[in-house]
């Protein structure tokens, strides 16, 4: 018998956020690998996936900062 506390739930594609999408991460990893190949850079195994994940996180964070700045400016006086 299996222990129910060790079971993990797998989210369906409808429940998963776009940022967690394997398709998006795979496409970003392929793009990073293509750029590295074009620039003649030899990446270690798994580096393209790590770089792609970091780039997705960076773009998401910068987008959230942009939204916060925009909301702050919208609430301030119009000059």
C-alpha atoms as a PDB file:
ATOM      1  CA  UNK A   1       0.000   0.000   0.000  1.00  0.00           C
ATOM      2  CA  UNK A   2       1.276   3.470  -0.816  1.00  0.00           C
ATOM      3  CA  UNK A   3       1.485   6.312   1.620  1.00  0.00           C
ATOM      4  CA  UNK A   4      -1.066   9.017   0.625  1.00  0.00           C
ATOM      5  CA  UNK A   5       1.147  11.753   2.055  1.00  0.00           C
ATOM      6  CA  UNK A   6       3.825  10.998  -0.544  1.00  0.00           C
ATOM      7  CA  UNK A   7       1.503  11.409  -3.517  1.00  0.00           C
ATOM      8  CA  UNK A   8       1.786  14.639  -5.438  1.00  0.00           C
ATOM      9  CA  UNK A   9      -0.945  16.195  -7.481  1.00  0.00           C
ATOM     10  CA  UNK A  10      -0.218  17.056 -11.085  1.00  0.00           C
ATOM     11  CA  UNK A  11      -1.916  20.180 -12.356  1.00  0.00           C
ATOM     12  CA  UNK A  12      -3.725  19.979 -15.646  1.00  0.00           C
ATOM     13  CA  UNK A  13      -2.614  22.360 -18.410  1.00  0.00           C
ATOM     14  CA  UNK A  14      -5.677  24.507 -17.689  1.00  0.00           C
ATOM     15  CA  UNK A  15      -4.656  24.882 -14.032  1.00  0.00           C
ATOM     16  CA  UNK A  16      -1.019  25.658 -14.698  1.00  0.00           C
ATOM     17  CA  UNK A  17       0.133  29.234 -15.253  1.00  0.00           C
ATOM     18  CA  UNK A  18       1.677  30.159 -18.597  1.00  0.00           C
ATOM     19  CA  UNK A  19       5.018  30.805 -16.891  1.00  0.00           C
ATOM     20  CA  UNK A  20       5.135  27.203 -15.695  1.00  0.00           C
ATOM     21  CA  UNK A  21       4.375  25.888 -19.181  1.00  0.00           C
ATOM     22  CA  UNK A  22       6.895  23.359 -20.398  1.00  0.00           C
ATOM     23  CA  UNK A  23       6.250  24.512 -23.959  1.00  0.00           C
ATOM     24  CA  UNK A  24       7.304  28.068 -23.109  1.00  0.00           C
ATOM     25  CA  UNK A  25      10.366  26.909 -21.203  1.00  0.00           C
ATOM     26  CA  UNK A  26      11.338  24.482 -23.970  1.00  0.00           C
ATOM     27  CA  UNK A  27      10.998  27.173 -26.627  1.00  0.00           C
ATOM     28  CA  UNK A  28      13.126  29.537 -24.552  1.00  0.00           C
ATOM     29  CA  UNK A  29      15.754  26.832 -23.994  1.00  0.00           C
ATOM     30  CA  UNK A  30      15.881  26.121 -27.732  1.00  0.00           C
ATOM     31  CA  UNK A  31      16.306  29.838 -28.430  1.00  0.00           C
ATOM     32  CA  UNK A  32      19.128  30.123 -25.875  1.00  0.00           C
ATOM     33  CA  UNK A  33      20.860  27.070 -27.341  1.00  0.00           C
ATOM     34  CA  UNK A  34      20.496  28.456 -30.876  1.00  0.00           C
ATOM     35  CA  UNK A  35      22.004  31.805 -29.887  1.00  0.00           C
ATOM     36  CA  UNK A  36      24.856  30.071 -28.060  1.00  0.00           C
ATOM     37  CA  UNK A  37      25.555  27.921 -31.112  1.00  0.00           C
ATOM     38  CA  UNK A  38      25.450  30.975 -33.372  1.00  0.00           C
ATOM     39  CA  UNK A  39      27.965  32.746 -31.117  1.00  0.00           C
ATOM     40  CA  UNK A  40      30.132  29.590 -30.944  1.00  0.00           C
ATOM     41  CA  UNK A  41      29.621  29.237 -27.197  1.00  0.00           C
ATOM     42  CA  UNK A  42      29.741  25.690 -25.835  1.00  0.00           C
ATOM     43  CA  UNK A  43      27.154  25.377 -23.060  1.00  0.00           C
ATOM     44  CA  UNK A  44      27.368  22.600 -20.455  1.00  0.00           C
ATOM     45  CA  UNK A  45      24.500  20.129 -20.217  1.00  0.00           C
ATOM     46  CA  UNK A  46      21.403  21.749 -18.747  1.00  0.00           C
ATOM     47  CA  UNK A  47      22.755  25.285 -18.984  1.00  0.00           C
ATOM     48  CA  UNK A  48      20.327  26.313 -21.727  1.00  0.00           C
ATOM     49  CA  UNK A  49      17.368  25.300 -19.546  1.00  0.00           C
ATOM     50  CA  UNK A  50      18.759  27.183 -16.543  1.00  0.00           C
ATOM     51  CA  UNK A  51      19.428  30.317 -18.593  1.00  0.00           C
ATOM     52  CA  UNK A  52      15.975  30.117 -20.182  1.00  0.00           C
ATOM     53  CA  UNK A  53      14.342  29.822 -16.761  1.00  0.00           C
ATOM     54  CA  UNK A  54      16.309  32.795 -15.483  1.00  0.00           C
ATOM     55  CA  UNK A  55      15.334  34.879 -18.523  1.00  0.00           C
ATOM     56  CA  UNK A  56      11.651  34.021 -18.083  1.00  0.00           C
ATOM     57  CA  UNK A  57      11.856  34.996 -14.403  1.00  0.00           C
ATOM     58  CA  UNK A  58      13.639  38.253 -15.314  1.00  0.00           C
ATOM     59  CA  UNK A  59      11.058  39.227 -17.930  1.00  0.00           C
ATOM     60  CA  UNK A  60       8.227  38.414 -15.518  1.00  0.00           C
ATOM     61  CA  UNK A  61       9.794  40.474 -12.729  1.00  0.00           C
ATOM     62  CA  UNK A  62      10.451  43.442 -15.010  1.00  0.00           C
ATOM     63  CA  UNK A  63       6.867  43.248 -16.242  1.00  0.00           C
ATOM     64  CA  UNK A  64       5.552  43.333 -12.690  1.00  0.00           C
ATOM     65  CA  UNK A  65       7.803  46.299 -11.879  1.00  0.00           C
ATOM     66  CA  UNK A  66       6.492  48.083 -14.975  1.00  0.00           C
ATOM     67  CA  UNK A  67       2.905  47.477 -13.910  1.00  0.00           C
ATOM     68  CA  UNK A  68       3.638  48.765 -10.402  1.00  0.00           C
ATOM     69  CA  UNK A  69       5.297  51.918 -11.752  1.00  0.00           C
ATOM     70  CA  UNK A  70       2.440  52.500 -14.173  1.00  0.00           C
ATOM     71  CA  UNK A  71      -0.165  52.146 -11.448  1.00  0.00           C
ATOM     72  CA  UNK A  72       1.777  54.507  -9.193  1.00  0.00           C
ATOM     73  CA  UNK A  73       2.046  57.121 -11.929  1.00  0.00           C
ATOM     74  CA  UNK A  74      -1.645  56.781 -12.741  1.00  0.00           C
ATOM     75  CA  UNK A  75      -2.568  57.567  -9.142  1.00  0.00           C
ATOM     76  CA  UNK A  76      -0.289  60.611  -8.933  1.00  0.00           C
ATOM     77  CA  UNK A  77      -1.029  64.117 -10.187  1.00  0.00           C
ATOM     78  CA  UNK A  78      -1.134  64.621 -13.957  1.00  0.00           C
ATOM     79  CA  UNK A  79       1.499  67.166 -14.887  1.00  0.00           C
END
